[in-house]
């Protein structure tokens, strides 16, 4: 679900993966050292409390008001991100 609509042509995208009873992980689009697209676990390697994920997102919105946020709920932590996660 889109929880924050950013700029139609210039907004960065964050994906918030919510796991009920476990927490959330926020993924941010990045590029690797070779210039290939990838996703970064912006909130760290392990899920964080949902409140912390939301606080991270709000902090990012202050720097980038064009930011998009898409929230996905997954019981097992699976996601549909095609690019590598770094």
PDB file of N, CA and C in Angstrom:
ATOM      1  N   UNK A   1       0.845  -1.154   0.000  1.00  0.00           N
ATOM      2  CA  UNK A   1       0.000   0.000   0.000  1.00  0.00           C
ATOM      3  C   UNK A   1       0.904   1.235   0.000  1.00  0.00           C
ATOM      4  N   UNK A   2       0.551   2.225  -0.799  1.00  0.00           N
ATOM      5  CA  UNK A   2       1.276   3.491  -0.802  1.00  0.00           C
ATOM      6  C   UNK A   2       0.812   4.280   0.419  1.00  0.00           C
ATOM      7  N   UNK A   3       1.733   4.540   1.350  1.00  0.00           N
ATOM      8  CA  UNK A   3       1.373   5.285   2.559  1.00  0.00           C
ATOM      9  C   UNK A   3       1.839   6.740   2.499  1.00  0.00           C
ATOM     10  N   UNK A   4       2.696   7.041   1.531  1.00  0.00           N
ATOM     11  CA  UNK A   4       3.110   8.431   1.303  1.00  0.00           C
ATOM     12  C   UNK A   4       3.367   8.607  -0.178  1.00  0.00           C
ATOM     13  N   UNK A   5       2.639   9.538  -0.780  1.00  0.00           N
ATOM     14  CA  UNK A   5       2.760   9.826  -2.207  1.00  0.00           C
ATOM     15  C   UNK A   5       3.745  10.964  -2.392  1.00  0.00           C
ATOM     16  N   UNK A   6       4.860  10.680  -3.038  1.00  0.00           N
ATOM     17  CA  UNK A   6       5.866  11.700  -3.302  1.00  0.00           C
ATOM     18  C   UNK A   6       5.656  12.341  -4.659  1.00  0.00           C
ATOM     19  N   UNK A   7       6.683  12.993  -5.134  1.00  0.00           N
ATOM     20  CA  UNK A   7       6.639  13.642  -6.445  1.00  0.00           C
ATOM     21  C   UNK A   7       6.505  12.575  -7.533  1.00  0.00           C
ATOM     22  N   UNK A   8       5.641  12.831  -8.516  1.00  0.00           N
ATOM     23  CA  UNK A   8       5.369  11.847  -9.570  1.00  0.00           C
ATOM     24  C   UNK A   8       6.583  11.552 -10.445  1.00  0.00           C
ATOM     25  N   UNK A   9       7.536  12.458 -10.526  1.00  0.00           N
ATOM     26  CA  UNK A   9       8.664  12.255 -11.432  1.00  0.00           C
ATOM     27  C   UNK A   9      10.026  12.214 -10.745  1.00  0.00           C
ATOM     28  N   UNK A  10      10.112  12.640  -9.495  1.00  0.00           N
ATOM     29  CA  UNK A  10      11.443  12.779  -8.910  1.00  0.00           C
ATOM     30  C   UNK A  10      11.594  12.174  -7.519  1.00  0.00           C
ATOM     31  N   UNK A  11      10.595  11.544  -6.986  1.00  0.00           N
ATOM     32  CA  UNK A  11      10.677  11.078  -5.608  1.00  0.00           C
ATOM     33  C   UNK A  11      11.449   9.791  -5.437  1.00  0.00           C
ATOM     34  N   UNK A  12      12.228   9.731  -4.367  1.00  0.00           N
ATOM     35  CA  UNK A  12      12.898   8.502  -3.960  1.00  0.00           C
ATOM     36  C   UNK A  12      11.845   7.562  -3.374  1.00  0.00           C
ATOM     37  N   UNK A  13      12.117   6.247  -3.404  1.00  0.00           N
ATOM     38  CA  UNK A  13      11.166   5.266  -2.895  1.00  0.00           C
ATOM     39  C   UNK A  13      11.764   4.528  -1.704  1.00  0.00           C
ATOM     40  N   UNK A  14      10.998   4.449  -0.622  1.00  0.00           N
ATOM     41  CA  UNK A  14      11.323   3.589   0.509  1.00  0.00           C
ATOM     42  C   UNK A  14      10.275   2.493   0.562  1.00  0.00           C
ATOM     43  N   UNK A  15      10.706   1.279   0.857  1.00  0.00           N
ATOM     44  CA  UNK A  15       9.796   0.151   1.057  1.00  0.00           C
ATOM     45  C   UNK A  15       9.865  -0.221   2.531  1.00  0.00           C
ATOM     46  N   UNK A  16       8.723  -0.195   3.203  1.00  0.00           N
ATOM     47  CA  UNK A  16       8.657  -0.615   4.605  1.00  0.00           C
ATOM     48  C   UNK A  16       8.030  -2.005   4.632  1.00  0.00           C
ATOM     49  N   UNK A  17       8.823  -2.991   5.041  1.00  0.00           N
ATOM     50  CA  UNK A  17       8.356  -4.370   5.141  1.00  0.00           C
ATOM     51  C   UNK A  17       7.980  -4.635   6.592  1.00  0.00           C
ATOM     52  N   UNK A  18       6.685  -4.822   6.844  1.00  0.00           N
ATOM     53  CA  UNK A  18       6.176  -5.037   8.202  1.00  0.00           C
ATOM     54  C   UNK A  18       5.899  -6.519   8.413  1.00  0.00           C
ATOM     55  N   UNK A  19       6.461  -7.075   9.519  1.00  0.00           N
ATOM     56  CA  UNK A  19       6.201  -8.457   9.913  1.00  0.00           C
ATOM     57  C   UNK A  19       5.509  -8.429  11.264  1.00  0.00           C
ATOM     58  N   UNK A  20       4.249  -8.817  11.307  1.00  0.00           N
ATOM     59  CA  UNK A  20       3.463  -8.793  12.538  1.00  0.00           C
ATOM     60  C   UNK A  20       4.177  -9.564  13.644  1.00  0.00           C
ATOM     61  N   UNK A  21       4.325  -8.899  14.785  1.00  0.00           N
ATOM     62  CA  UNK A  21       4.948  -9.532  15.937  1.00  0.00           C
ATOM     63  C   UNK A  21       6.470  -9.539  15.911  1.00  0.00           C
ATOM     64  N   UNK A  22       7.065  -9.113  14.810  1.00  0.00           N
ATOM     65  CA  UNK A  22       8.529  -9.126  14.688  1.00  0.00           C
ATOM     66  C   UNK A  22       9.084  -7.715  14.559  1.00  0.00           C
ATOM     67  N   UNK A  23       8.485  -6.925  13.694  1.00  0.00           N
ATOM     68  CA  UNK A  23       8.949  -5.553  13.478  1.00  0.00           C
ATOM     69  C   UNK A  23       8.977  -5.209  12.001  1.00  0.00           C
ATOM     70  N   UNK A  24       9.727  -4.177  11.675  1.00  0.00           N
ATOM     71  CA  UNK A  24       9.767  -3.679  10.301  1.00  0.00           C
ATOM     72  C   UNK A  24      11.200  -3.478   9.832  1.00  0.00           C
ATOM     73  N   UNK A  25      11.369  -3.576   8.533  1.00  0.00           N
ATOM     74  CA  UNK A  25      12.627  -3.256   7.871  1.00  0.00           C
ATOM     75  C   UNK A  25      12.313  -2.237   6.797  1.00  0.00           C
ATOM     76  N   UNK A  26      13.112  -1.174   6.719  1.00  0.00           N
ATOM     77  CA  UNK A  26      12.936  -0.177   5.677  1.00  0.00           C
ATOM     78  C   UNK A  26      14.047  -0.373   4.653  1.00  0.00           C
ATOM     79  N   UNK A  27      13.646  -0.514   3.403  1.00  0.00           N
ATOM     80  CA  UNK A  27      14.584  -0.667   2.301  1.00  0.00           C
ATOM     81  C   UNK A  27      14.630   0.628   1.506  1.00  0.00           C
ATOM     82  N   UNK A  28      15.836   1.028   1.122  1.00  0.00           N
ATOM     83  CA  UNK A  28      16.029   2.250   0.348  1.00  0.00           C
ATOM     84  C   UNK A  28      16.769   1.903  -0.939  1.00  0.00           C
ATOM     85  N   UNK A  29      16.332   2.499  -2.030  1.00  0.00           N
ATOM     86  CA  UNK A  29      16.977   2.272  -3.318  1.00  0.00           C
ATOM     87  C   UNK A  29      18.386   2.859  -3.297  1.00  0.00           C
ATOM     88  N   UNK A  30      19.356   2.109  -3.828  1.00  0.00           N
ATOM     89  CA  UNK A  30      20.733   2.568  -3.892  1.00  0.00           C
ATOM     90  C   UNK A  30      21.388   1.974  -5.130  1.00  0.00           C
ATOM     91  N   UNK A  31      22.644   2.245  -5.320  1.00  0.00           N
ATOM     92  CA  UNK A  31      23.437   1.595  -6.365  1.00  0.00           C
ATOM     93  C   UNK A  31      24.675   1.002  -5.705  1.00  0.00           C
ATOM     94  N   UNK A  32      25.141  -0.130  -6.239  1.00  0.00           N
ATOM     95  CA  UNK A  32      26.331  -0.753  -5.670  1.00  0.00           C
ATOM     96  C   UNK A  32      27.582  -0.102  -6.256  1.00  0.00           C
ATOM     97  N   UNK A  33      28.742  -0.604  -5.894  1.00  0.00           N
ATOM     98  CA  UNK A  33      30.002  -0.008  -6.332  1.00  0.00           C
ATOM     99  C   UNK A  33      30.203  -0.081  -7.837  1.00  0.00           C
ATOM    100  N   UNK A  34      29.503  -1.013  -8.495  1.00  0.00           N
ATOM    101  CA  UNK A  34      29.601  -1.143  -9.954  1.00  0.00           C
ATOM    102  C   UNK A  34      28.530  -0.337 -10.686  1.00  0.00           C
ATOM    103  N   UNK A  35      27.712   0.397  -9.933  1.00  0.00           N
ATOM    104  CA  UNK A  35      26.662   1.207 -10.553  1.00  0.00           C
ATOM    105  C   UNK A  35      25.360   0.464 -10.807  1.00  0.00           C
ATOM    106  N   UNK A  36      25.234  -0.756 -10.287  1.00  0.00           N
ATOM    107  CA  UNK A  36      24.008  -1.538 -10.451  1.00  0.00           C
ATOM    108  C   UNK A  36      22.993  -1.176  -9.375  1.00  0.00           C
ATOM    109  N   UNK A  37      21.709  -1.211  -9.748  1.00  0.00           N
ATOM    110  CA  UNK A  37      20.660  -0.916  -8.769  1.00  0.00           C
ATOM    111  C   UNK A  37      20.599  -1.998  -7.703  1.00  0.00           C
ATOM    112  N   UNK A  38      20.312  -1.563  -6.477  1.00  0.00           N
ATOM    113  CA  UNK A  38      20.205  -2.491  -5.351  1.00  0.00           C
ATOM    114  C   UNK A  38      19.300  -1.847  -4.310  1.00  0.00           C
ATOM    115  N   UNK A  39      19.010  -2.611  -3.260  1.00  0.00           N
ATOM    116  CA  UNK A  39      18.245  -2.109  -2.120  1.00  0.00           C
ATOM    117  C   UNK A  39      19.128  -2.182  -0.894  1.00  0.00           C
ATOM    118  N   UNK A  40      19.050  -1.174  -0.057  1.00  0.00           N
ATOM    119  CA  UNK A  40      19.811  -1.093   1.178  1.00  0.00           C
ATOM    120  C   UNK A  40      18.864  -1.284   2.355  1.00  0.00           C
ATOM    121  N   UNK A  41      19.262  -2.122   3.306  1.00  0.00           N
ATOM    122  CA  UNK A  41      18.487  -2.267   4.550  1.00  0.00           C
ATOM    123  C   UNK A  41      18.771  -1.026   5.391  1.00  0.00           C
ATOM    124  N   UNK A  42      17.982  -0.003   5.194  1.00  0.00           N
ATOM    125  CA  UNK A  42      18.255   1.309   5.771  1.00  0.00           C
ATOM    126  C   UNK A  42      18.139   1.334   7.289  1.00  0.00           C
ATOM    127  N   UNK A  43      17.373   0.426   7.865  1.00  0.00           N
ATOM    128  CA  UNK A  43      17.205   0.379   9.316  1.00  0.00           C
ATOM    129  C   UNK A  43      18.063  -0.707   9.957  1.00  0.00           C
ATOM    130  N   UNK A  44      18.993  -1.265   9.204  1.00  0.00           N
ATOM    131  CA  UNK A  44      19.906  -2.267   9.738  1.00  0.00           C
ATOM    132  C   UNK A  44      19.568  -3.675   9.289  1.00  0.00           C
ATOM    133  N   UNK A  45      20.386  -4.642   9.705  1.00  0.00           N
ATOM    134  CA  UNK A  45      20.233  -6.013   9.215  1.00  0.00           C
ATOM    135  C   UNK A  45      19.017  -6.763   9.762  1.00  0.00           C
ATOM    136  N   UNK A  46      18.525  -6.335  10.916  1.00  0.00           N
ATOM    137  CA  UNK A  46      17.398  -7.026  11.548  1.00  0.00           C
ATOM    138  C   UNK A  46      16.191  -6.101  11.630  1.00  0.00           C
ATOM    139  N   UNK A  47      14.983  -6.682  11.670  1.00  0.00           N
ATOM    140  CA  UNK A  47      13.796  -5.834  11.846  1.00  0.00           C
ATOM    141  C   UNK A  47      13.886  -5.012  13.126  1.00  0.00           C
ATOM    142  N   UNK A  48      13.316  -3.826  13.071  1.00  0.00           N
ATOM    143  CA  UNK A  48      13.279  -2.919  14.222  1.00  0.00           C
ATOM    144  C   UNK A  48      11.826  -2.734  14.632  1.00  0.00           C
ATOM    145  N   UNK A  49      11.575  -2.243  15.850  1.00  0.00           N
ATOM    146  CA  UNK A  49      10.187  -1.957  16.223  1.00  0.00           C
ATOM    147  C   UNK A  49       9.540  -1.017  15.196  1.00  0.00           C
ATOM    148  N   UNK A  50       8.261  -1.224  14.957  1.00  0.00           N
ATOM    149  CA  UNK A  50       7.544  -0.448  13.955  1.00  0.00           C
ATOM    150  C   UNK A  50       7.679   1.054  14.202  1.00  0.00           C
ATOM    151  N   UNK A  51       7.655   1.460  15.463  1.00  0.00           N
ATOM    152  CA  UNK A  51       7.807   2.867  15.828  1.00  0.00           C
ATOM    153  C   UNK A  51       9.144   3.420  15.318  1.00  0.00           C
ATOM    154  N   UNK A  52      10.217   2.633  15.462  1.00  0.00           N
ATOM    155  CA  UNK A  52      11.540   3.069  15.002  1.00  0.00           C
ATOM    156  C   UNK A  52      11.593   3.188  13.483  1.00  0.00           C
ATOM    157  N   UNK A  53      10.940   2.259  12.792  1.00  0.00           N
ATOM    158  CA  UNK A  53      10.893   2.339  11.326  1.00  0.00           C
ATOM    159  C   UNK A  53      10.158   3.604  10.887  1.00  0.00           C
ATOM    160  N   UNK A  54       9.040   3.897  11.534  1.00  0.00           N
ATOM    161  CA  UNK A  54       8.282   5.110  11.194  1.00  0.00           C
ATOM    162  C   UNK A  54       9.085   6.371  11.502  1.00  0.00           C
ATOM    163  N   UNK A  55       9.831   6.369  12.605  1.00  0.00           N
ATOM    164  CA  UNK A  55      10.666   7.522  12.953  1.00  0.00           C
ATOM    165  C   UNK A  55      11.765   7.716  11.909  1.00  0.00           C
ATOM    166  N   UNK A  56      12.351   6.624  11.434  1.00  0.00           N
ATOM    167  CA  UNK A  56      13.362   6.712  10.381  1.00  0.00           C
ATOM    168  C   UNK A  56      12.761   7.331   9.122  1.00  0.00           C
ATOM    169  N   UNK A  57      11.574   6.871   8.755  1.00  0.00           N
ATOM    170  CA  UNK A  57      10.910   7.394   7.555  1.00  0.00           C
ATOM    171  C   UNK A  57      10.630   8.890   7.706  1.00  0.00           C
ATOM    172  N   UNK A  58      10.124   9.297   8.853  1.00  0.00           N
ATOM    173  CA  UNK A  58       9.826  10.716   9.057  1.00  0.00           C
ATOM    174  C   UNK A  58      11.091  11.572   8.979  1.00  0.00           C
ATOM    175  N   UNK A  59      12.184  11.054   9.468  1.00  0.00           N
ATOM    176  CA  UNK A  59      13.457  11.768   9.377  1.00  0.00           C
ATOM    177  C   UNK A  59      13.862  11.940   7.910  1.00  0.00           C
ATOM    178  N   UNK A  60      13.649  10.895   7.115  1.00  0.00           N
ATOM    179  CA  UNK A  60      13.996  10.971   5.694  1.00  0.00           C
ATOM    180  C   UNK A  60      13.104  11.962   4.954  1.00  0.00           C
ATOM    181  N   UNK A  61      11.838  12.038   5.346  1.00  0.00           N
ATOM    182  CA  UNK A  61      10.900  12.975   4.709  1.00  0.00           C
ATOM    183  C   UNK A  61      11.367  14.413   4.913  1.00  0.00           C
ATOM    184  N   UNK A  62      11.972  14.705   6.055  1.00  0.00           N
ATOM    185  CA  UNK A  62      12.479  16.060   6.309  1.00  0.00           C
ATOM    186  C   UNK A  62      13.575  16.441   5.312  1.00  0.00           C
ATOM    187  N   UNK A  63      14.373  15.448   4.884  1.00  0.00           N
ATOM    188  CA  UNK A  63      15.438  15.696   3.920  1.00  0.00           C
ATOM    189  C   UNK A  63      14.944  15.642   2.483  1.00  0.00           C
ATOM    190  N   UNK A  64      13.903  14.853   2.239  1.00  0.00           N
ATOM    191  CA  UNK A  64      13.392  14.657   0.878  1.00  0.00           C
ATOM    192  C   UNK A  64      11.865  14.692   0.891  1.00  0.00           C
ATOM    193  N   UNK A  65      11.262  15.871   0.726  1.00  0.00           N
ATOM    194  CA  UNK A  65       9.801  15.973   0.762  1.00  0.00           C
ATOM    195  C   UNK A  65       9.114  15.294  -0.432  1.00  0.00           C
ATOM    196  N   UNK A  66       9.887  14.882  -1.434  1.00  0.00           N
ATOM    197  CA  UNK A  66       9.323  14.187  -2.597  1.00  0.00           C
ATOM    198  C   UNK A  66       9.259  12.679  -2.399  1.00  0.00           C
ATOM    199  N   UNK A  67       9.638  12.210  -1.235  1.00  0.00           N
ATOM    200  CA  UNK A  67       9.775  10.793  -0.917  1.00  0.00           C
ATOM    201  C   UNK A  67       8.463  10.014  -1.022  1.00  0.00           C
ATOM    202  N   UNK A  68       8.550   8.832  -1.617  1.00  0.00           N
ATOM    203  CA  UNK A  68       7.440   7.877  -1.653  1.00  0.00           C
ATOM    204  C   UNK A  68       7.699   6.826  -0.578  1.00  0.00           C
ATOM    205  N   UNK A  69       6.629   6.329   0.055  1.00  0.00           N
ATOM    206  CA  UNK A  69       6.747   5.217   0.998  1.00  0.00           C
ATOM    207  C   UNK A  69       5.679   4.184   0.645  1.00  0.00           C
ATOM    208  N   UNK A  70       6.149   2.957   0.428  1.00  0.00           N
ATOM    209  CA  UNK A  70       5.256   1.841   0.148  1.00  0.00           C
ATOM    210  C   UNK A  70       5.416   0.848   1.292  1.00  0.00           C
ATOM    211  N   UNK A  71       4.299   0.468   1.917  1.00  0.00           N
ATOM    212  CA  UNK A  71       4.345  -0.493   3.015  1.00  0.00           C
ATOM    213  C   UNK A  71       3.802  -1.834   2.552  1.00  0.00           C
ATOM    214  N   UNK A  72       4.549  -2.877   2.877  1.00  0.00           N
ATOM    215  CA  UNK A  72       4.181  -4.250   2.530  1.00  0.00           C
ATOM    216  C   UNK A  72       4.124  -5.046   3.823  1.00  0.00           C
ATOM    217  N   UNK A  73       3.063  -5.810   4.000  1.00  0.00           N
ATOM    218  CA  UNK A  73       2.955  -6.677   5.165  1.00  0.00           C
ATOM    219  C   UNK A  73       3.248  -8.108   4.736  1.00  0.00           C
ATOM    220  N   UNK A  74       4.115  -8.776   5.492  1.00  0.00           N
ATOM    221  CA  UNK A  74       4.502 -10.142   5.162  1.00  0.00           C
ATOM    222  C   UNK A  74       4.676 -10.937   6.448  1.00  0.00           C
ATOM    223  N   UNK A  75       4.022 -12.055   6.541  1.00  0.00           N
ATOM    224  CA  UNK A  75       4.142 -12.888   7.742  1.00  0.00           C
ATOM    225  C   UNK A  75       5.540 -13.494   7.878  1.00  0.00           C
ATOM    226  N   UNK A  76       6.131 -13.903   6.751  1.00  0.00           N
ATOM    227  CA  UNK A  76       7.415 -14.596   6.793  1.00  0.00           C
ATOM    228  C   UNK A  76       8.607 -13.738   6.368  1.00  0.00           C
ATOM    229  N   UNK A  77       8.384 -12.460   6.106  1.00  0.00           N
ATOM    230  CA  UNK A  77       9.481 -11.576   5.716  1.00  0.00           C
ATOM    231  C   UNK A  77       9.808 -11.596   4.247  1.00  0.00           C
ATOM    232  N   UNK A  78       9.020 -12.340   3.473  1.00  0.00           N
ATOM    233  CA  UNK A  78       9.282 -12.370   2.039  1.00  0.00           C
ATOM    234  C   UNK A  78       8.874 -11.048   1.409  1.00  0.00           C
ATOM    235  N   UNK A  79       9.494 -10.729   0.316  1.00  0.00           N
ATOM    236  CA  UNK A  79       9.227  -9.472  -0.391  1.00  0.00           C
ATOM    237  C   UNK A  79       9.350  -9.736  -1.883  1.00  0.00           C
ATOM    238  N   UNK A  80       9.014  -8.778  -2.677  1.00  0.00           N
ATOM    239  CA  UNK A  80       9.071  -8.936  -4.127  1.00  0.00           C
ATOM    240  C   UNK A  80      10.154  -8.039  -4.737  1.00  0.00           C
ATOM    241  N   UNK A  81      11.159  -7.691  -3.966  1.00  0.00           N
ATOM    242  CA  UNK A  81      12.221  -6.838  -4.487  1.00  0.00           C
ATOM    243  C   UNK A  81      13.104  -7.670  -5.411  1.00  0.00           C
ATOM    244  N   UNK A  82      13.209  -7.232  -6.654  1.00  0.00           N
ATOM    245  CA  UNK A  82      13.983  -7.989  -7.649  1.00  0.00           C
ATOM    246  C   UNK A  82      15.484  -7.733  -7.576  1.00  0.00           C
ATOM    247  N   UNK A  83      15.861  -6.500  -7.251  1.00  0.00           N
ATOM    248  CA  UNK A  83      17.279  -6.166  -7.215  1.00  0.00           C
ATOM    249  C   UNK A  83      17.916  -6.681  -5.926  1.00  0.00           C
ATOM    250  N   UNK A  84      19.235  -6.894  -5.935  1.00  0.00           N
ATOM    251  CA  UNK A  84      19.912  -7.409  -4.743  1.00  0.00           C
ATOM    252  C   UNK A  84      19.736  -6.497  -3.531  1.00  0.00           C
ATOM    253  N   UNK A  85      19.824  -7.103  -2.351  1.00  0.00           N
ATOM    254  CA  UNK A  85      19.765  -6.356  -1.099  1.00  0.00           C
ATOM    255  C   UNK A  85      21.170  -6.324  -0.520  1.00  0.00           C
ATOM    256  N   UNK A  86      21.641  -5.105  -0.259  1.00  0.00           N
ATOM    257  CA  UNK A  86      23.000  -4.951   0.267  1.00  0.00           C
ATOM    258  C   UNK A  86      22.961  -4.391   1.666  1.00  0.00           C
TER     259      UNK A  86
END
